[in-house]
Amino acid sequence: MYEWANEMNCAVTVCDTKGIILYMNEKACRTFAKHGDLIGKNLFDCHNPQSQAKIRELLETGGVNAYTIEKNGVKKMIYQTAWKQDGVVGGLVEISMEIPGEMPHYMRK
């Protein structure tokens, strides 16, 4: 089901509505390798209370959360969005991709 994401050059993690991790692509597994196999684990256990509240909000509203981070000199864009089946929220997808320090921004009509 997730073959399209397995070898992407960004980390993809999918969870259900209870926060249980259903899928991590190869890059996500490498990123979090020091924590062991996280598939089947609850992602709420890996997040602080503020992040847990945001995750719950996204699951309740079917919303989107996007932001950038920098760690060890590497900038990343994090995009979190609900996935749905037949219009009902089934969980969240997080895509984490490395981005350059400076990026062009284009205004399109």
PDB file of N, CA and C in Angstrom:
ATOM      1  N   MET A   1       0.826  -1.205   0.000  1.00  0.00           N
ATOM      2  CA  MET A   1       0.000   0.000   0.000  1.00  0.00           C
ATOM      3  C   MET A   1       0.869   1.268   0.000  1.00  0.00           C
ATOM      4  N   TYR A   2       2.006   1.222   0.662  1.00  0.00           N
ATOM      5  CA  TYR A   2       2.845   2.414   0.780  1.00  0.00           C
ATOM      6  C   TYR A   2       4.093   2.336  -0.096  1.00  0.00           C
ATOM      7  N   GLU A   3       4.127   1.441  -1.073  1.00  0.00           N
ATOM      8  CA  GLU A   3       5.323   1.249  -1.887  1.00  0.00           C
ATOM      9  C   GLU A   3       5.829   2.556  -2.489  1.00  0.00           C
ATOM     10  N   TRP A   4       4.918   3.440  -2.861  1.00  0.00           N
ATOM     11  CA  TRP A   4       5.290   4.708  -3.489  1.00  0.00           C
ATOM     12  C   TRP A   4       6.188   5.540  -2.576  1.00  0.00           C
ATOM     13  N   ALA A   5       6.067   5.377  -1.278  1.00  0.00           N
ATOM     14  CA  ALA A   5       6.801   6.221  -0.329  1.00  0.00           C
ATOM     15  C   ALA A   5       8.090   5.583   0.168  1.00  0.00           C
ATOM     16  N   ASN A   6       8.285   4.306  -0.052  1.00  0.00           N
ATOM     17  CA  ASN A   6       9.365   3.602   0.626  1.00  0.00           C
ATOM     18  C   ASN A   6      10.749   4.172   0.346  1.00  0.00           C
ATOM     19  N   GLU A   7      11.053   4.508  -0.898  1.00  0.00           N
ATOM     20  CA  GLU A   7      12.393   4.982  -1.233  1.00  0.00           C
ATOM     21  C   GLU A   7      12.450   6.492  -1.488  1.00  0.00           C
ATOM     22  N   MET A   8      11.460   7.234  -1.019  1.00  0.00           N
ATOM     23  CA  MET A   8      11.477   8.695  -1.182  1.00  0.00           C
ATOM     24  C   MET A   8      12.639   9.295  -0.414  1.00  0.00           C
ATOM     25  N   ASN A   9      13.116  10.453  -0.888  1.00  0.00           N
ATOM     26  CA  ASN A   9      14.200  11.158  -0.206  1.00  0.00           C
ATOM     27  C   ASN A   9      13.643  12.106   0.854  1.00  0.00           C
ATOM     28  N   CYS A  10      12.639  11.650   1.554  1.00  0.00           N
ATOM     29  CA  CYS A  10      12.108  12.355   2.716  1.00  0.00           C
ATOM     30  C   CYS A  10      11.525  11.287   3.633  1.00  0.00           C
ATOM     31  N   ALA A  11      11.420  11.617   4.904  1.00  0.00           N
ATOM     32  CA  ALA A  11      10.900  10.662   5.878  1.00  0.00           C
ATOM     33  C   ALA A  11       9.377  10.728   5.885  1.00  0.00           C
ATOM     34  N   VAL A  12       8.738   9.573   5.782  1.00  0.00           N
ATOM     35  CA  VAL A  12       7.278   9.490   5.791  1.00  0.00           C
ATOM     36  C   VAL A  12       6.863   8.565   6.930  1.00  0.00           C
ATOM     37  N   THR A  13       6.007   9.083   7.805  1.00  0.00           N
ATOM     38  CA  THR A  13       5.486   8.304   8.925  1.00  0.00           C
ATOM     39  C   THR A  13       3.970   8.424   8.920  1.00  0.00           C
ATOM     40  N   VAL A  14       3.287   7.294   9.119  1.00  0.00           N
ATOM     41  CA  VAL A  14       1.820   7.262   9.102  1.00  0.00           C
ATOM     42  C   VAL A  14       1.343   6.640  10.407  1.00  0.00           C
ATOM     43  N   CYS A  15       0.339   7.280  11.016  1.00  0.00           N
ATOM     44  CA  CYS A  15      -0.257   6.712  12.232  1.00  0.00           C
ATOM     45  C   CYS A  15      -1.772   6.664  12.087  1.00  0.00           C
ATOM     46  N   ASP A  16      -2.412   5.913  12.985  1.00  0.00           N
ATOM     47  CA  ASP A  16      -3.870   5.855  13.005  1.00  0.00           C
ATOM     48  C   ASP A  16      -4.412   6.912  13.971  1.00  0.00           C
ATOM     49  N   THR A  17      -5.708   6.899  14.229  1.00  0.00           N
ATOM     50  CA  THR A  17      -6.328   7.933  15.064  1.00  0.00           C
ATOM     51  C   THR A  17      -5.958   7.826  16.539  1.00  0.00           C
ATOM     52  N   LYS A  18      -5.373   6.705  16.938  1.00  0.00           N
ATOM     53  CA  LYS A  18      -4.938   6.541  18.328  1.00  0.00           C
ATOM     54  C   LYS A  18      -3.458   6.863  18.496  1.00  0.00           C
ATOM     55  N   GLY A  19      -2.789   7.211  17.376  1.00  0.00           N
ATOM     56  CA  GLY A  19      -1.368   7.533  17.431  1.00  0.00           C
ATOM     57  C   GLY A  19      -0.469   6.330  17.222  1.00  0.00           C
ATOM     58  N   ILE A  20      -1.038   5.180  16.881  1.00  0.00           N
ATOM     59  CA  ILE A  20      -0.234   3.981  16.644  1.00  0.00           C
ATOM     60  C   ILE A  20       0.428   4.112  15.274  1.00  0.00           C
ATOM     61  N   ILE A  21       1.741   3.960  15.232  1.00  0.00           N
ATOM     62  CA  ILE A  21       2.493   4.086  13.986  1.00  0.00           C
ATOM     63  C   ILE A  21       2.230   2.853  13.120  1.00  0.00           C
ATOM     64  N   LEU A  22       1.681   3.106  11.935  1.00  0.00           N
ATOM     65  CA  LEU A  22       1.331   2.047  10.993  1.00  0.00           C
ATOM     66  C   LEU A  22       2.432   1.796   9.979  1.00  0.00           C
ATOM     67  N   TYR A  23       3.163   2.852   9.643  1.00  0.00           N
ATOM     68  CA  TYR A  23       4.142   2.757   8.563  1.00  0.00           C
ATOM     69  C   TYR A  23       5.217   3.808   8.746  1.00  0.00           C
ATOM     70  N   MET A  24       6.444   3.425   8.435  1.00  0.00           N
ATOM     71  CA  MET A  24       7.567   4.354   8.325  1.00  0.00           C
ATOM     72  C   MET A  24       8.349   3.922   7.095  1.00  0.00           C
ATOM     73  N   ASN A  25       8.668   4.881   6.222  1.00  0.00           N
ATOM     74  CA  ASN A  25       9.467   4.506   5.058  1.00  0.00           C
ATOM     75  C   ASN A  25      10.921   4.326   5.482  1.00  0.00           C
ATOM     76  N   GLU A  26      11.761   3.944   4.512  1.00  0.00           N
ATOM     77  CA  GLU A  26      13.160   3.649   4.830  1.00  0.00           C
ATOM     78  C   GLU A  26      13.863   4.820   5.504  1.00  0.00           C
ATOM     79  N   LYS A  27      13.649   6.046   4.991  1.00  0.00           N
ATOM     80  CA  LYS A  27      14.341   7.210   5.557  1.00  0.00           C
ATOM     81  C   LYS A  27      13.857   7.493   6.978  1.00  0.00           C
ATOM     82  N   ALA A  28      12.562   7.355   7.227  1.00  0.00           N
ATOM     83  CA  ALA A  28      12.043   7.563   8.578  1.00  0.00           C
ATOM     84  C   ALA A  28      12.631   6.534   9.539  1.00  0.00           C
ATOM     85  N   CYS A  29      12.733   5.288   9.093  1.00  0.00           N
ATOM     86  CA  CYS A  29      13.333   4.243   9.938  1.00  0.00           C
ATOM     87  C   CYS A  29      14.789   4.562  10.259  1.00  0.00           C
ATOM     88  N   ARG A  30      15.534   5.050   9.260  1.00  0.00           N
ATOM     89  CA  ARG A  30      16.941   5.426   9.504  1.00  0.00           C
ATOM     90  C   ARG A  30      17.017   6.617  10.459  1.00  0.00           C
ATOM     91  N   THR A  31      16.128   7.588  10.277  1.00  0.00           N
ATOM     92  CA  THR A  31      16.133   8.794  11.109  1.00  0.00           C
ATOM     93  C   THR A  31      15.941   8.453  12.584  1.00  0.00           C
ATOM     94  N   PHE A  32      15.062   7.513  12.858  1.00  0.00           N
ATOM     95  CA  PHE A  32      14.727   7.177  14.246  1.00  0.00           C
ATOM     96  C   PHE A  32      15.291   5.823  14.677  1.00  0.00           C
ATOM     97  N   ALA A  33      16.318   5.330  13.980  1.00  0.00           N
ATOM     98  CA  ALA A  33      16.879   3.999  14.241  1.00  0.00           C
ATOM     99  C   ALA A  33      17.319   3.815  15.692  1.00  0.00           C
ATOM    100  N   LYS A  34      17.836   4.887  16.319  1.00  0.00           N
ATOM    101  CA  LYS A  34      18.320   4.742  17.694  1.00  0.00           C
ATOM    102  C   LYS A  34      17.205   4.403  18.681  1.00  0.00           C
ATOM    103  N   HIS A  35      15.932   4.611  18.249  1.00  0.00           N
ATOM    104  CA  HIS A  35      14.780   4.313  19.108  1.00  0.00           C
ATOM    105  C   HIS A  35      14.228   2.912  18.860  1.00  0.00           C
ATOM    106  N   GLY A  36      14.843   2.179  17.924  1.00  0.00           N
ATOM    107  CA  GLY A  36      14.378   0.837  17.605  1.00  0.00           C
ATOM    108  C   GLY A  36      13.226   0.863  16.614  1.00  0.00           C
ATOM    109  N   ASP A  37      12.582  -0.266  16.454  1.00  0.00           N
ATOM    110  CA  ASP A  37      11.445  -0.391  15.536  1.00  0.00           C
ATOM    111  C   ASP A  37      10.234   0.287  16.169  1.00  0.00           C
ATOM    112  N   LEU A  38       9.774   1.366  15.572  1.00  0.00           N
ATOM    113  CA  LEU A  38       8.665   2.136  16.135  1.00  0.00           C
ATOM    114  C   LEU A  38       7.302   1.744  15.563  1.00  0.00           C
ATOM    115  N   ILE A  39       7.278   0.928  14.526  1.00  0.00           N
ATOM    116  CA  ILE A  39       5.997   0.522  13.949  1.00  0.00           C
ATOM    117  C   ILE A  39       5.247  -0.300  15.001  1.00  0.00           C
ATOM    118  N   GLY A  40       3.994   0.093  15.232  1.00  0.00           N
ATOM    119  CA  GLY A  40       3.181  -0.537  16.270  1.00  0.00           C
ATOM    120  C   GLY A  40       3.240   0.185  17.597  1.00  0.00           C
ATOM    121  N   LYS A  41       4.165   1.135  17.718  1.00  0.00           N
ATOM    122  CA  LYS A  41       4.294   1.921  18.947  1.00  0.00           C
ATOM    123  C   LYS A  41       3.408   3.162  18.852  1.00  0.00           C
ATOM    124  N   ASN A  42       3.158   3.795  20.000  1.00  0.00           N
ATOM    125  CA  ASN A  42       2.325   4.984  20.033  1.00  0.00           C
ATOM    126  C   ASN A  42       3.201   6.229  19.956  1.00  0.00           C
ATOM    127  N   LEU A  43       2.936   7.082  18.972  1.00  0.00           N
ATOM    128  CA  LEU A  43       3.770   8.274  18.811  1.00  0.00           C
ATOM    129  C   LEU A  43       3.543   9.303  19.911  1.00  0.00           C
ATOM    130  N   PHE A  44       2.442   9.183  20.663  1.00  0.00           N
ATOM    131  CA  PHE A  44       2.256  10.096  21.789  1.00  0.00           C
ATOM    132  C   PHE A  44       3.348   9.892  22.841  1.00  0.00           C
ATOM    133  N   ASP A  45       3.896   8.683  22.916  1.00  0.00           N
ATOM    134  CA  ASP A  45       4.962   8.397  23.878  1.00  0.00           C
ATOM    135  C   ASP A  45       6.263   9.110  23.534  1.00  0.00           C
ATOM    136  N   CYS A  46       6.395   9.580  22.292  1.00  0.00           N
ATOM    137  CA  CYS A  46       7.633  10.211  21.819  1.00  0.00           C
ATOM    138  C   CYS A  46       7.534  11.736  21.763  1.00  0.00           C
ATOM    139  N   HIS A  47       6.422  12.304  22.218  1.00  0.00           N
ATOM    140  CA  HIS A  47       6.203  13.741  22.062  1.00  0.00           C
ATOM    141  C   HIS A  47       5.863  14.395  23.397  1.00  0.00           C
ATOM    142  N   ASN A  48       6.232  15.666  23.499  1.00  0.00           N
ATOM    143  CA  ASN A  48       5.929  16.435  24.700  1.00  0.00           C
ATOM    144  C   ASN A  48       4.444  16.814  24.714  1.00  0.00           C
ATOM    145  N   PRO A  49       3.922  17.294  25.852  1.00  0.00           N
ATOM    146  CA  PRO A  49       2.495  17.611  25.956  1.00  0.00           C
ATOM    147  C   PRO A  49       1.998  18.616  24.908  1.00  0.00           C
ATOM    148  N   GLN A  50       2.800  19.615  24.569  1.00  0.00           N
ATOM    149  CA  GLN A  50       2.391  20.595  23.559  1.00  0.00           C
ATOM    150  C   GLN A  50       2.224  19.919  22.190  1.00  0.00           C
ATOM    151  N   SER A  51       3.166  19.076  21.824  1.00  0.00           N
ATOM    152  CA  SER A  51       3.076  18.349  20.556  1.00  0.00           C
ATOM    153  C   SER A  51       1.907  17.367  20.573  1.00  0.00           C
ATOM    154  N   GLN A  52       1.686  16.716  21.696  1.00  0.00           N
ATOM    155  CA  GLN A  52       0.558  15.790  21.817  1.00  0.00           C
ATOM    156  C   GLN A  52      -0.764  16.519  21.586  1.00  0.00           C
ATOM    157  N   ALA A  53      -0.877  17.734  22.143  1.00  0.00           N
ATOM    158  CA  ALA A  53      -2.101  18.522  21.955  1.00  0.00           C
ATOM    159  C   ALA A  53      -2.301  18.873  20.485  1.00  0.00           C
ATOM    160  N   LYS A  54      -1.231  19.223  19.773  1.00  0.00           N
ATOM    161  CA  LYS A  54      -1.312  19.550  18.351  1.00  0.00           C
ATOM    162  C   LYS A  54      -1.739  18.322  17.551  1.00  0.00           C
ATOM    163  N   ILE A  55      -1.176  17.165  17.869  1.00  0.00           N
ATOM    164  CA  ILE A  55      -1.541  15.931  17.184  1.00  0.00           C
ATOM    165  C   ILE A  55      -3.027  15.632  17.396  1.00  0.00           C
ATOM    166  N   ARG A  56      -3.484  15.746  18.624  1.00  0.00           N
ATOM    167  CA  ARG A  56      -4.913  15.507  18.911  1.00  0.00           C
ATOM    168  C   ARG A  56      -5.800  16.469  18.121  1.00  0.00           C
ATOM    169  N   GLU A  57      -5.381  17.741  18.068  1.00  0.00           N
ATOM    170  CA  GLU A  57      -6.140  18.736  17.304  1.00  0.00           C
ATOM    171  C   GLU A  57      -6.229  18.345  15.829  1.00  0.00           C
ATOM    172  N   LEU A  58      -5.117  17.934  15.241  1.00  0.00           N
ATOM    173  CA  LEU A  58      -5.108  17.540  13.833  1.00  0.00           C
ATOM    174  C   LEU A  58      -6.001  16.330  13.598  1.00  0.00           C
ATOM    175  N   LEU A  59      -5.984  15.388  14.521  1.00  0.00           N
ATOM    176  CA  LEU A  59      -6.834  14.207  14.390  1.00  0.00           C
ATOM    177  C   LEU A  59      -8.314  14.555  14.520  1.00  0.00           C
ATOM    178  N   GLU A  60      -8.630  15.511  15.401  1.00  0.00           N
ATOM    179  CA  GLU A  60     -10.024  15.910  15.596  1.00  0.00           C
ATOM    180  C   GLU A  60     -10.561  16.745  14.440  1.00  0.00           C
ATOM    181  N   THR A  61      -9.707  17.627  13.906  1.00  0.00           N
ATOM    182  CA  THR A  61     -10.172  18.566  12.880  1.00  0.00           C
ATOM    183  C   THR A  61      -9.865  18.131  11.456  1.00  0.00           C
ATOM    184  N   GLY A  62      -8.980  17.145  11.314  1.00  0.00           N
ATOM    185  CA  GLY A  62      -8.541  16.765   9.972  1.00  0.00           C
ATOM    186  C   GLY A  62      -7.649  17.815   9.353  1.00  0.00           C
ATOM    187  N   GLY A  63      -6.981  18.577  10.196  1.00  0.00           N
ATOM    188  CA  GLY A  63      -6.200  19.727   9.750  1.00  0.00           C
ATOM    189  C   GLY A  63      -4.800  19.417   9.277  1.00  0.00           C
ATOM    190  N   VAL A  64      -4.048  20.510   9.080  1.00  0.00           N
ATOM    191  CA  VAL A  64      -2.679  20.480   8.576  1.00  0.00           C
ATOM    192  C   VAL A  64      -1.798  21.305   9.508  1.00  0.00           C
ATOM    193  N   ASN A  65      -0.563  20.852   9.709  1.00  0.00           N
ATOM    194  CA  ASN A  65       0.426  21.592  10.480  1.00  0.00           C
ATOM    195  C   ASN A  65       1.731  21.549   9.691  1.00  0.00           C
ATOM    196  N   ALA A  66       2.305  22.713   9.404  1.00  0.00           N
ATOM    197  CA  ALA A  66       3.554  22.778   8.646  1.00  0.00           C
ATOM    198  C   ALA A  66       4.492  23.763   9.325  1.00  0.00           C
ATOM    199  N   TYR A  67       5.771  23.376   9.423  1.00  0.00           N
ATOM    200  CA  TYR A  67       6.768  24.238  10.046  1.00  0.00           C
ATOM    201  C   TYR A  67       8.158  23.786   9.627  1.00  0.00           C
ATOM    202  N   THR A  68       9.157  24.601   9.939  1.00  0.00           N
ATOM    203  CA  THR A  68      10.537  24.228   9.666  1.00  0.00           C
ATOM    204  C   THR A  68      11.281  24.086  10.990  1.00  0.00           C
ATOM    205  N   ILE A  69      12.326  23.253  10.956  1.00  0.00           N
ATOM    206  CA  ILE A  69      13.189  23.066  12.119  1.00  0.00           C
ATOM    207  C   ILE A  69      14.635  23.076  11.643  1.00  0.00           C
ATOM    208  N   GLU A  70      15.554  23.254  12.573  1.00  0.00           N
ATOM    209  CA  GLU A  70      16.974  23.093  12.270  1.00  0.00           C
ATOM    210  C   GLU A  70      17.605  22.328  13.411  1.00  0.00           C
ATOM    211  N   LYS A  71      18.345  21.267  13.062  1.00  0.00           N
ATOM    212  CA  LYS A  71      19.011  20.435  14.064  1.00  0.00           C
ATOM    213  C   LYS A  71      20.348  20.001  13.488  1.00  0.00           C
ATOM    214  N   ASN A  72      21.401  20.227  14.249  1.00  0.00           N
ATOM    215  CA  ASN A  72      22.758  19.862  13.818  1.00  0.00           C
ATOM    216  C   ASN A  72      23.092  20.458  12.449  1.00  0.00           C
ATOM    217  N   GLY A  73      22.653  21.688  12.212  1.00  0.00           N
ATOM    218  CA  GLY A  73      22.957  22.377  10.964  1.00  0.00           C
ATOM    219  C   GLY A  73      22.127  21.951   9.767  1.00  0.00           C
ATOM    220  N   VAL A  74      21.154  21.073   9.969  1.00  0.00           N
ATOM    221  CA  VAL A  74      20.302  20.602   8.875  1.00  0.00           C
ATOM    222  C   VAL A  74      18.908  21.179   9.063  1.00  0.00           C
ATOM    223  N   LYS A  75      18.437  21.895   8.038  1.00  0.00           N
ATOM    224  CA  LYS A  75      17.083  22.456   8.075  1.00  0.00           C
ATOM    225  C   LYS A  75      16.116  21.458   7.450  1.00  0.00           C
ATOM    226  N   LYS A  76      14.939  21.363   8.043  1.00  0.00           N
ATOM    227  CA  LYS A  76      13.903  20.474   7.525  1.00  0.00           C
ATOM    228  C   LYS A  76      12.564  21.176   7.533  1.00  0.00           C
ATOM    229  N   MET A  77      11.739  20.794   6.587  1.00  0.00           N
ATOM    230  CA  MET A  77      10.345  21.201   6.587  1.00  0.00           C
ATOM    231  C   MET A  77       9.543  19.991   7.039  1.00  0.00           C
ATOM    232  N   ILE A  78       8.654  20.216   7.993  1.00  0.00           N
ATOM    233  CA  ILE A  78       7.781  19.167   8.506  1.00  0.00           C
ATOM    234  C   ILE A  78       6.360  19.505   8.058  1.00  0.00           C
ATOM    235  N   TYR A  79       5.715  18.531   7.427  1.00  0.00           N
ATOM    236  CA  TYR A  79       4.335  18.708   6.961  1.00  0.00           C
ATOM    237  C   TYR A  79       3.511  17.557   7.523  1.00  0.00           C
ATOM    238  N   GLN A  80       2.554  17.908   8.361  1.00  0.00           N
ATOM    239  CA  GLN A  80       1.689  16.918   8.989  1.00  0.00           C
ATOM    240  C   GLN A  80       0.260  17.161   8.526  1.00  0.00           C
ATOM    241  N   THR A  81      -0.387  16.111   8.079  1.00  0.00           N
ATOM    242  CA  THR A  81      -1.756  16.258   7.594  1.00  0.00           C
ATOM    243  C   THR A  81      -2.549  14.994   7.889  1.00  0.00           C
ATOM    244  N   ALA A  82      -3.835  15.173   8.093  1.00  0.00           N
ATOM    245  CA  ALA A  82      -4.703  14.019   8.305  1.00  0.00           C
ATOM    246  C   ALA A  82      -4.845  13.244   7.007  1.00  0.00           C
ATOM    247  N   TRP A  83      -4.942  11.921   7.114  1.00  0.00           N
ATOM    248  CA  TRP A  83      -5.336  11.114   5.965  1.00  0.00           C
ATOM    249  C   TRP A  83      -6.760  10.635   6.248  1.00  0.00           C
ATOM    250  N   LYS A  84      -7.506  10.507   5.192  1.00  0.00           N
ATOM    251  CA  LYS A  84      -8.922  10.152   5.340  1.00  0.00           C
ATOM    252  C   LYS A  84      -9.277   8.961   4.470  1.00  0.00           C
ATOM    253  N   GLN A  85     -10.294   8.261   4.909  1.00  0.00           N
ATOM    254  CA  GLN A  85     -10.871   7.184   4.127  1.00  0.00           C
ATOM    255  C   GLN A  85     -12.372   7.395   4.125  1.00  0.00           C
ATOM    256  N   ASP A  86     -12.933   7.548   2.932  1.00  0.00           N
ATOM    257  CA  ASP A  86     -14.364   7.836   2.771  1.00  0.00           C
ATOM    258  C   ASP A  86     -14.763   9.085   3.557  1.00  0.00           C
ATOM    259  N   GLY A  87     -13.866  10.084   3.585  1.00  0.00           N
ATOM    260  CA  GLY A  87     -14.153  11.353   4.237  1.00  0.00           C
ATOM    261  C   GLY A  87     -13.954  11.371   5.742  1.00  0.00           C
ATOM    262  N   VAL A  88     -13.565  10.248   6.328  1.00  0.00           N
ATOM    263  CA  VAL A  88     -13.376  10.154   7.780  1.00  0.00           C
ATOM    264  C   VAL A  88     -11.882  10.088   8.083  1.00  0.00           C
ATOM    265  N   VAL A  89     -11.445  10.894   9.047  1.00  0.00           N
ATOM    266  CA  VAL A  89     -10.034  10.901   9.423  1.00  0.00           C
ATOM    267  C   VAL A  89      -9.627   9.516   9.911  1.00  0.00           C
ATOM    268  N   GLY A  90      -8.553   8.994   9.306  1.00  0.00           N
ATOM    269  CA  GLY A  90      -8.044   7.680   9.687  1.00  0.00           C
ATOM    270  C   GLY A  90      -6.751   7.766  10.467  1.00  0.00           C
ATOM    271  N   GLY A  91      -6.144   8.966  10.482  1.00  0.00           N
ATOM    272  CA  GLY A  91      -4.877   9.163  11.183  1.00  0.00           C
ATOM    273  C   GLY A  91      -4.116  10.324  10.588  1.00  0.00           C
ATOM    274  N   LEU A  92      -2.813  10.325  10.785  1.00  0.00           N
ATOM    275  CA  LEU A  92      -1.947  11.405  10.298  1.00  0.00           C
ATOM    276  C   LEU A  92      -0.807  10.859   9.455  1.00  0.00           C
ATOM    277  N   VAL A  93      -0.347  11.698   8.535  1.00  0.00           N
ATOM    278  CA  VAL A  93       0.869  11.449   7.778  1.00  0.00           C
ATOM    279  C   VAL A  93       1.813  12.597   8.084  1.00  0.00           C
ATOM    280  N   GLU A  94       3.073  12.274   8.365  1.00  0.00           N
ATOM    281  CA  GLU A  94       4.095  13.299   8.524  1.00  0.00           C
ATOM    282  C   GLU A  94       5.154  13.075   7.456  1.00  0.00           C
ATOM    283  N   ILE A  95       5.458  14.150   6.725  1.00  0.00           N
ATOM    284  CA  ILE A  95       6.530  14.129   5.740  1.00  0.00           C
ATOM    285  C   ILE A  95       7.578  15.125   6.210  1.00  0.00           C
ATOM    286  N   SER A  96       8.799  14.637   6.371  1.00  0.00           N
ATOM    287  CA  SER A  96       9.912  15.467   6.827  1.00  0.00           C
ATOM    288  C   SER A  96      10.964  15.461   5.729  1.00  0.00           C
ATOM    289  N   MET A  97      11.285  16.664   5.219  1.00  0.00           N
ATOM    290  CA  MET A  97      12.259  16.741   4.133  1.00  0.00           C
ATOM    291  C   MET A  97      13.330  17.772   4.444  1.00  0.00           C
ATOM    292  N   GLU A  98      14.571  17.428   4.097  1.00  0.00           N
ATOM    293  CA  GLU A  98      15.664  18.380   4.253  1.00  0.00           C
ATOM    294  C   GLU A  98      15.502  19.477   3.220  1.00  0.00           C
ATOM    295  N   ILE A  99      15.775  20.713   3.651  1.00  0.00           N
ATOM    296  CA  ILE A  99      15.675  21.864   2.753  1.00  0.00           C
ATOM    297  C   ILE A  99      16.958  22.680   2.855  1.00  0.00           C
ATOM    298  N   PRO A 100      17.293  23.418   1.788  1.00  0.00           N
ATOM    299  CA  PRO A 100      18.496  24.259   1.853  1.00  0.00           C
ATOM    300  C   PRO A 100      18.294  25.430   2.813  1.00  0.00           C
ATOM    301  N   GLY A 101      19.401  25.990   3.263  1.00  0.00           N
ATOM    302  CA  GLY A 101      19.344  27.135   4.169  1.00  0.00           C
ATOM    303  C   GLY A 101      18.594  28.319   3.582  1.00  0.00           C
ATOM    304  N   GLU A 102      18.786  28.546   2.320  1.00  0.00           N
ATOM    305  CA  GLU A 102      18.077  29.605   1.603  1.00  0.00           C
ATOM    306  C   GLU A 102      17.326  28.958   0.454  1.00  0.00           C
ATOM    307  N   MET A 103      16.058  29.302   0.339  1.00  0.00           N
ATOM    308  CA  MET A 103      15.239  28.729  -0.728  1.00  0.00           C
ATOM    309  C   MET A 103      14.573  29.842  -1.513  1.00  0.00           C
ATOM    310  N   PRO A 104      14.499  29.694  -2.825  1.00  0.00           N
ATOM    311  CA  PRO A 104      13.744  30.676  -3.591  1.00  0.00           C
ATOM    312  C   PRO A 104      12.251  30.571  -3.274  1.00  0.00           C
ATOM    313  N   HIS A 105      11.576  31.672  -3.384  1.00  0.00           N
ATOM    314  CA  HIS A 105      10.127  31.707  -3.198  1.00  0.00           C
ATOM    315  C   HIS A 105       9.538  32.406  -4.419  1.00  0.00           C
ATOM    316  N   TYR A 106       8.629  31.762  -5.080  1.00  0.00           N
ATOM    317  CA  TYR A 106       8.054  32.300  -6.313  1.00  0.00           C
ATOM    318  C   TYR A 106       6.593  32.657  -6.103  1.00  0.00           C
ATOM    319  N   MET A 107       6.229  33.795  -6.647  1.00  0.00           N
ATOM    320  CA  MET A 107       4.830  34.224  -6.642  1.00  0.00           C
ATOM    321  C   MET A 107       4.262  33.887  -8.022  1.00  0.00           C
ATOM    322  N   ARG A 108       3.245  33.076  -8.068  1.00  0.00           N
ATOM    323  CA  ARG A 108       2.654  32.656  -9.332  1.00  0.00           C
ATOM    324  C   ARG A 108       1.240  33.156  -9.431  1.00  0.00           C
ATOM    325  N   LYS A 109       0.857  33.414 -10.673  1.00  0.00           N
ATOM    326  CA  LYS A 109      -0.526  33.867 -10.936  1.00  0.00           C
ATOM    327  C   LYS A 109      -1.314  32.765 -11.557  1.00  0.00           C
TER     328      LYS A 109
END
